[in-house]
Amino acid sequence: MATPRIPLSVLDLSPVSAGSTGATALRNSIDLAKLTERLGFNRYWVAEHHNLPSVASSAPEIMIGQIAAATTQIRVGSGGVMLPNHAPLMVAERFKVLEALFPGRIDLGLGRAPGTDPVTSYALRRRQQTATDDDFLERFQELILFESNAYPEGHPFRNVHAMPADSPLPPIWLLGSSGYSAQLAGMVGAGFSFAHHFSDYDAVAAMLSYREHFRPSQARAKPYAMLGVAVVCADGDAEAHRLATTLDLNWVRRSRGEYLPLASPEEAQNFPYTPIDLERIRHRRARLFAGSPDTVLAALTPLIEATKGDELIVTTMIYDHAARRHSYELLAKAFGLEQRRTPA
């Protein structure tokens, strides 16, 4: 089987491990970004989640600035900014500032979900004028209008400009886990990233639907689809599956409404799972690519080909940071990435 020649990228949630701290998780993200830049990864995206003890990534704009400052070549972006939580003008200005500081290296990935539970979502939005319905499209349109200065004469925002005015908004991506998201990304002419790592929706259908519905825009002439996958790669299959037991327990706990830092493989292997728990693990494992480099490559290649993915963005949520680093090292070698020379 031929190795797919496809760019690899990183989706990082800054996982918090049991016995560690959020501060350590954030510093680990910067360390991993430096490593994956050297390994030849294309971009490094950070997520926005709130009120989750296992995830330290709650402010992607801040982390993007820190990671971009600690690297020199890799693209850095949001995977994504959850637009329902933010005023579009603030998103425009924050990302124009980032683009001004790191020109040509920033991505603006936008999500439709709040990235948290309903009460936390309300706390995030309570000082905004809230709507009871999904207002993503209105917010997205407002973001674009601020960038293009296209508000009509007489509109109260006609003379409101996102600053710095001489820096463009970075490339926009829509994140999705459904057919609707895929169609929307295509219709607005944005890049599309599909969340295979947590979605039950068929990745092939979503990715092909995006291409079918794509309309060229001022920002993008051709469709570009990125496939998000969860991977745990180790020197051997047994070790990869041992490391992945952390994810098994995390999934089980979340299904029970328990949001705890990531457990060690030892704790996960000794957990008293019920038959329902084991069925949930079996179901979720179908979306996880775990094993040696050869095993992971053999499993991913048919999916890449079927989805016609232009790029693969990989998330690895495991307990041990050294093992996470090694997982990306093995992936880079398996996919034949060319290492970069970076400043010391």
Protein backbone atom coordinates (compact mmCIF):
# COMPACT_ATOMS: atom_id res chain seq x y z
CA MET A 1 0.00 0.00 0.00
CA ALA A 2 1.44 3.37 -1.06
CA THR A 3 1.95 5.99 1.63
CA PRO A 4 -0.53 8.87 1.15
CA ARG A 5 1.24 12.10 0.19
CA ILE A 6 -0.89 14.40 2.26
CA PRO A 7 -0.08 17.26 4.62
CA LEU A 8 -0.39 16.45 8.33
CA SER A 9 -1.48 18.93 10.99
CA VAL A 10 -2.16 18.96 14.73
CA LEU A 11 -5.38 19.65 16.63
CA ASP A 12 -4.50 20.25 20.27
CA LEU A 13 -6.90 20.61 23.21
CA SER A 14 -4.08 21.01 25.77
CA PRO A 15 -5.07 17.87 27.71
CA VAL A 16 -4.80 18.02 31.50
CA SER A 17 -3.60 14.78 33.08
CA ALA A 18 -4.52 13.60 36.58
CA GLY A 19 -1.94 14.85 39.09
CA SER A 20 -0.81 17.63 36.75
CA THR A 21 -2.03 21.19 36.15
CA GLY A 22 -3.60 23.31 33.44
CA ALA A 23 -0.47 25.46 33.35
CA THR A 24 1.62 22.40 32.56
CA ALA A 25 -0.83 21.38 29.84
CA LEU A 26 -0.54 24.78 28.15
CA ARG A 27 3.26 24.68 28.27
CA ASN A 28 3.14 21.16 26.86
CA SER A 29 1.19 22.55 23.90
CA ILE A 30 3.95 25.04 23.13
CA ASP A 31 6.52 22.25 23.43
CA LEU A 32 4.52 20.01 21.07
CA ALA A 33 4.12 22.85 18.58
CA LYS A 34 7.89 23.35 18.43
CA LEU A 35 8.39 19.61 17.89
CA THR A 36 5.75 19.22 15.18
CA GLU A 37 7.08 22.26 13.34
CA ARG A 38 10.50 20.58 13.15
CA LEU A 39 8.87 17.32 12.06
CA GLY A 40 7.23 19.01 9.08
CA PHE A 41 3.60 19.29 10.16
CA ASN A 42 1.65 21.89 8.18
CA ARG A 43 -0.41 23.67 10.84
CA TYR A 44 -1.09 23.63 14.56
CA TRP A 45 -4.65 24.35 15.70
CA VAL A 46 -5.84 24.88 19.26
CA ALA A 47 -9.38 24.36 20.45
CA GLU A 48 -11.87 26.34 22.51
CA HIS A 49 -13.57 24.44 25.32
CA HIS A 50 -14.92 25.70 28.62
CA ASN A 51 -15.55 24.24 32.07
CA LEU A 52 -13.79 20.94 31.27
CA PRO A 53 -11.13 19.85 33.81
CA SER A 54 -9.50 17.66 31.15
CA VAL A 55 -9.01 20.54 28.68
CA ALA A 56 -6.90 23.65 29.39
CA SER A 57 -7.53 25.27 26.00
CA SER A 58 -10.20 27.88 26.77
CA ALA A 59 -8.69 30.96 25.04
CA PRO A 60 -7.41 29.98 21.58
CA GLU A 61 -6.45 33.53 20.55
CA ILE A 62 -3.96 33.75 23.43
CA MET A 63 -2.49 30.32 22.72
CA ILE A 64 -2.22 31.07 19.00
CA GLY A 65 -0.12 34.14 19.79
CA GLN A 66 2.10 32.22 22.19
CA ILE A 67 2.61 29.30 19.81
CA ALA A 68 3.22 31.51 16.78
CA ALA A 69 5.81 33.48 18.79
CA ALA A 70 7.57 30.24 19.78
CA THR A 71 7.71 28.94 16.19
CA THR A 72 8.72 30.41 12.84
CA GLN A 73 7.11 28.52 9.95
CA ILE A 74 4.18 26.31 10.93
CA ARG A 75 0.70 27.81 10.44
CA VAL A 76 -1.17 28.37 13.71
CA GLY A 77 -4.91 28.67 14.12
CA SER A 78 -8.13 27.94 15.92
CA GLY A 79 -9.84 24.61 15.77
CA GLY A 80 -11.88 26.51 16.46
CA VAL A 81 -13.24 29.75 17.81
CA MET A 82 -16.80 28.99 18.87
CA LEU A 83 -18.58 31.91 17.24
CA PRO A 84 -21.74 31.73 19.40
CA ASN A 85 -19.59 32.77 22.40
CA HIS A 86 -18.15 35.93 20.85
CA ALA A 87 -19.10 39.23 19.29
CA PRO A 88 -18.03 39.02 15.62
CA LEU A 89 -16.22 42.37 15.82
CA MET A 90 -14.05 41.04 18.66
CA VAL A 91 -13.20 37.91 16.67
CA ALA A 92 -12.30 40.03 13.64
CA GLU A 93 -10.05 42.35 15.63
CA ARG A 94 -8.28 39.61 17.58
CA PHE A 95 -7.43 37.68 14.44
CA LYS A 96 -6.43 40.75 12.48
CA VAL A 97 -4.00 41.54 15.31
CA LEU A 98 -2.62 38.00 15.09
CA GLU A 99 -2.32 38.29 11.31
CA ALA A 100 -0.52 41.61 11.69
CA LEU A 101 1.98 40.06 14.09
CA PHE A 102 2.44 36.78 12.19
CA PRO A 103 1.52 37.54 8.56
CA GLY A 104 0.65 34.56 6.41
CA ARG A 105 0.74 32.07 9.29
CA ILE A 106 -2.68 32.39 10.99
CA ASP A 107 -5.90 30.42 10.37
CA LEU A 108 -9.37 31.34 11.64
CA GLY A 109 -11.37 28.16 12.20
CA LEU A 110 -14.96 28.79 13.30
CA GLY A 111 -17.32 26.41 15.08
CA ARG A 112 -21.10 26.52 15.39
CA ALA A 113 -21.29 24.89 18.84
CA PRO A 114 -20.55 26.70 22.12
CA GLY A 115 -17.94 24.12 23.16
CA THR A 116 -19.45 23.63 26.58
CA ASP A 117 -22.62 22.88 28.58
CA PRO A 118 -25.72 25.14 28.37
CA VAL A 119 -25.16 26.89 31.72
CA THR A 120 -21.54 27.74 30.92
CA SER A 121 -22.61 28.86 27.45
CA TYR A 122 -25.11 31.23 29.05
CA ALA A 123 -22.41 32.59 31.37
CA LEU A 124 -20.19 33.26 28.36
CA ARG A 125 -22.91 35.09 26.46
CA ARG A 126 -25.04 36.72 29.17
CA ARG A 127 -23.66 40.23 28.58
CA GLN A 128 -24.32 39.92 24.87
CA GLN A 129 -27.72 40.37 23.30
CA THR A 130 -28.62 36.69 23.19
CA ALA A 131 -30.95 34.88 20.82
CA THR A 132 -32.87 31.72 21.60
CA ASP A 133 -32.25 30.24 18.14
CA ASP A 134 -29.03 29.28 16.40
CA ASP A 135 -27.65 32.62 15.18
CA PHE A 136 -24.39 31.35 13.72
CA LEU A 137 -25.22 32.48 10.18
CA GLU A 138 -26.02 36.02 11.35
CA ARG A 139 -22.78 36.19 13.33
CA PHE A 140 -20.79 34.79 10.44
CA GLN A 141 -22.30 37.33 8.04
CA GLU A 142 -21.51 40.12 10.48
CA LEU A 143 -17.89 38.96 10.68
CA ILE A 144 -17.58 39.02 6.88
CA LEU A 145 -19.25 42.44 6.61
CA PHE A 146 -16.80 43.94 9.09
CA GLU A 147 -13.91 42.54 7.05
CA SER A 148 -15.26 43.74 3.69
CA ASN A 149 -16.59 47.09 4.96
CA ALA A 150 -19.79 46.20 3.13
CA TYR A 151 -22.43 47.54 5.50
CA PRO A 152 -24.83 49.70 3.46
CA GLU A 153 -25.26 53.45 3.83
CA GLY A 154 -27.35 54.24 6.89
CA HIS A 155 -26.45 51.07 8.78
CA PRO A 156 -25.21 51.81 12.32
CA PHE A 157 -22.08 49.71 11.69
CA ARG A 158 -21.23 51.47 8.43
CA ASN A 159 -18.39 53.40 10.04
CA VAL A 160 -17.20 50.65 12.39
CA HIS A 161 -13.94 49.12 11.21
CA ALA A 162 -12.12 46.09 12.60
CA MET A 163 -8.60 47.17 13.53
CA PRO A 164 -5.87 47.08 12.43
CA ALA A 165 -7.61 48.02 9.18
CA ASP A 166 -4.51 47.38 7.06
CA SER A 167 -4.24 43.73 8.10
CA PRO A 168 -6.57 41.21 6.44
CA LEU A 169 -8.61 38.62 8.25
CA PRO A 170 -6.79 35.25 8.08
CA PRO A 171 -8.20 32.42 5.93
CA ILE A 172 -11.56 31.26 7.29
CA TRP A 173 -12.39 27.62 7.89
CA LEU A 174 -15.69 26.19 9.04
CA LEU A 175 -15.52 23.24 11.42
CA GLY A 176 -18.23 20.65 11.24
CA SER A 177 -19.51 17.29 12.34
CA SER A 178 -22.60 17.00 10.13
CA GLY A 179 -23.88 17.26 6.60
CA TYR A 180 -25.27 20.73 7.25
CA SER A 181 -21.86 22.06 8.26
CA ALA A 182 -20.31 20.56 5.13
CA GLN A 183 -22.87 22.15 2.83
CA LEU A 184 -22.60 25.50 4.58
CA ALA A 185 -18.80 25.54 4.27
CA GLY A 186 -19.11 24.79 0.58
CA MET A 187 -21.79 27.40 -0.06
CA VAL A 188 -19.79 30.22 1.57
CA GLY A 189 -16.56 29.17 -0.15
CA ALA A 190 -14.60 28.49 3.03
CA GLY A 191 -12.18 25.74 3.92
CA PHE A 192 -13.81 22.81 5.71
CA SER A 193 -12.56 20.62 8.55
CA PHE A 194 -14.63 17.57 9.46
CA ALA A 195 -14.51 16.21 13.01
CA HIS A 196 -14.34 12.47 12.38
CA HIS A 197 -12.73 12.08 15.82
CA PHE A 198 -16.03 12.66 17.63
CA SER A 199 -18.81 12.66 15.02
CA ASP A 200 -21.09 9.73 14.24
CA TYR A 201 -21.92 11.32 10.89
CA ASP A 202 -20.38 9.64 7.87
CA ALA A 203 -17.10 11.39 7.07
CA VAL A 204 -17.16 10.35 3.41
CA ALA A 205 -20.64 11.81 2.88
CA ALA A 206 -19.71 15.06 4.61
CA MET A 207 -16.42 15.60 2.79
CA LEU A 208 -17.88 14.82 -0.64
CA SER A 209 -20.94 16.97 0.05
CA TYR A 210 -18.64 19.90 0.82
CA ARG A 211 -16.99 19.54 -2.59
CA GLU A 212 -20.34 19.15 -4.34
CA HIS A 213 -21.74 22.34 -2.79
CA PHE A 214 -18.57 24.43 -3.02
CA ARG A 215 -18.92 27.85 -4.57
CA PRO A 216 -15.75 29.86 -5.24
CA SER A 217 -15.39 32.90 -3.02
CA GLN A 218 -13.10 35.90 -2.88
CA ALA A 219 -11.05 34.05 -0.26
CA ARG A 220 -10.89 30.59 -1.86
CA ALA A 221 -11.17 29.57 -5.51
CA LYS A 222 -11.15 25.81 -4.93
CA PRO A 223 -12.47 23.52 -2.17
CA TYR A 224 -10.04 22.36 0.49
CA ALA A 225 -11.18 19.73 2.95
CA MET A 226 -9.33 18.64 6.07
CA LEU A 227 -10.15 15.42 7.91
CA GLY A 228 -9.88 15.48 11.71
CA VAL A 229 -8.93 12.13 13.24
CA ALA A 230 -8.01 10.78 16.66
CA VAL A 231 -4.76 8.82 16.60
CA VAL A 232 -2.65 7.04 19.19
CA CYS A 233 0.55 5.77 17.61
CA ALA A 234 3.25 3.79 19.45
CA ASP A 235 6.10 1.45 18.60
CA GLY A 236 3.76 -1.53 18.76
CA ASP A 237 0.03 -2.20 18.65
CA ALA A 238 -0.16 -3.40 22.26
CA GLU A 239 1.49 -0.26 23.60
CA ALA A 240 -0.78 1.99 21.51
CA HIS A 241 -3.88 0.25 22.83
CA ARG A 242 -2.56 0.51 26.39
CA LEU A 243 -2.11 4.27 25.97
CA ALA A 244 -5.57 4.52 24.41
CA THR A 245 -7.25 3.12 27.54
CA THR A 246 -7.00 6.68 28.90
CA LEU A 247 -9.45 7.69 26.17
CA ASP A 248 -11.69 4.72 26.97
CA LEU A 249 -12.15 5.86 30.55
CA ASN A 250 -12.54 9.50 29.53
CA TRP A 251 -15.38 8.56 27.16
CA VAL A 252 -17.09 6.45 29.82
CA ARG A 253 -16.87 9.19 32.42
CA ARG A 254 -18.17 11.84 30.05
CA SER A 255 -21.14 9.64 29.20
CA ARG A 256 -21.92 9.66 32.94
CA GLY A 257 -21.56 13.43 33.20
CA GLU A 258 -18.16 13.17 34.90
CA TYR A 259 -15.54 15.56 33.53
CA LEU A 260 -12.20 14.74 35.13
CA PRO A 261 -8.54 15.13 34.14
CA LEU A 262 -7.20 12.33 31.97
CA ALA A 263 -6.51 9.15 33.91
CA SER A 264 -3.32 7.14 33.57
CA PRO A 265 -3.47 3.88 31.57
CA GLU A 266 -2.99 2.01 34.86
CA GLU A 267 -6.05 3.65 36.41
CA ALA A 268 -8.04 3.12 33.23
CA GLN A 269 -7.15 -0.56 32.97
CA ASN A 270 -8.21 -1.19 36.57
CA PHE A 271 -11.51 0.68 36.30
CA PRO A 272 -14.64 -1.43 37.03
CA TYR A 273 -16.41 -1.08 33.67
CA THR A 274 -20.02 -2.20 33.29
CA PRO A 275 -21.27 -4.03 30.19
CA ILE A 276 -22.79 -0.73 29.00
CA ASP A 277 -19.43 0.96 29.48
CA LEU A 278 -17.69 -1.70 27.41
CA GLU A 279 -20.22 -1.27 24.61
CA ARG A 280 -19.63 2.50 24.64
CA ILE A 281 -15.89 1.89 24.43
CA ARG A 282 -16.34 -0.50 21.51
CA HIS A 283 -18.46 2.08 19.69
CA ARG A 284 -15.98 4.92 20.25
CA ARG A 285 -12.95 2.81 19.39
CA ALA A 286 -14.35 2.52 15.85
CA ARG A 287 -13.39 6.20 15.41
CA LEU A 288 -9.94 5.89 16.97
CA PHE A 289 -6.84 4.92 15.00
CA ALA A 290 -4.52 3.18 17.46
CA GLY A 291 -1.50 1.01 16.76
CA SER A 292 1.98 0.91 15.34
CA PRO A 293 2.83 3.23 12.43
CA ASP A 294 2.08 0.47 9.90
CA THR A 295 -1.25 -0.35 11.57
CA VAL A 296 -2.35 3.30 11.73
CA LEU A 297 -1.28 3.98 8.16
CA ALA A 298 -3.15 0.94 6.87
CA ALA A 299 -6.33 2.03 8.67
CA LEU A 300 -6.15 5.69 7.68
CA THR A 301 -5.27 5.29 4.00
CA PRO A 302 -8.67 3.97 2.80
CA LEU A 303 -10.49 6.74 4.70
CA ILE A 304 -8.25 9.43 3.23
CA GLU A 305 -8.85 8.07 -0.26
CA ALA A 306 -12.63 7.72 0.21
CA THR A 307 -13.08 11.21 1.64
CA LYS A 308 -10.67 12.79 -0.90
CA GLY A 309 -9.16 14.66 2.04
CA ASP A 310 -6.64 17.35 1.15
CA GLU A 311 -5.08 17.28 4.61
CA LEU A 312 -5.19 15.27 7.82
CA ILE A 313 -5.42 17.01 11.20
CA VAL A 314 -4.61 14.73 14.12
CA THR A 315 -5.59 14.93 17.77
CA THR A 316 -3.92 12.73 20.38
CA MET A 317 -5.47 13.02 23.83
CA ILE A 318 -3.41 10.74 26.06
CA TYR A 319 -2.08 10.90 29.60
CA ASP A 320 1.67 11.07 29.07
CA HIS A 321 3.16 14.04 27.22
CA ALA A 322 6.29 12.12 26.19
CA ALA A 323 4.11 9.41 24.65
CA ARG A 324 2.09 12.08 22.84
CA ARG A 325 5.28 13.58 21.40
CA HIS A 326 6.40 10.12 20.29
CA SER A 327 3.04 9.45 18.63
CA TYR A 328 3.48 12.50 16.39
CA GLU A 329 7.10 11.58 15.68
CA LEU A 330 6.02 8.15 14.47
CA LEU A 331 3.23 9.62 12.34
CA ALA A 332 5.60 12.09 10.70
CA LYS A 333 7.93 9.26 9.74
CA ALA A 334 5.11 7.00 8.56
CA PHE A 335 3.71 9.70 6.26
CA GLY A 336 7.14 10.68 5.01
CA LEU A 337 7.09 14.28 6.20
CA GLU A 338 10.15 16.36 5.41
CA GLN A 339 11.72 17.81 8.52
CA ARG A 340 12.27 21.54 8.70
CA ARG A 341 15.37 23.37 9.79
CA THR A 342 14.27 25.77 12.51
CA PRO A 343 16.24 28.37 14.47
CA ALA A 344 17.87 27.01 17.61
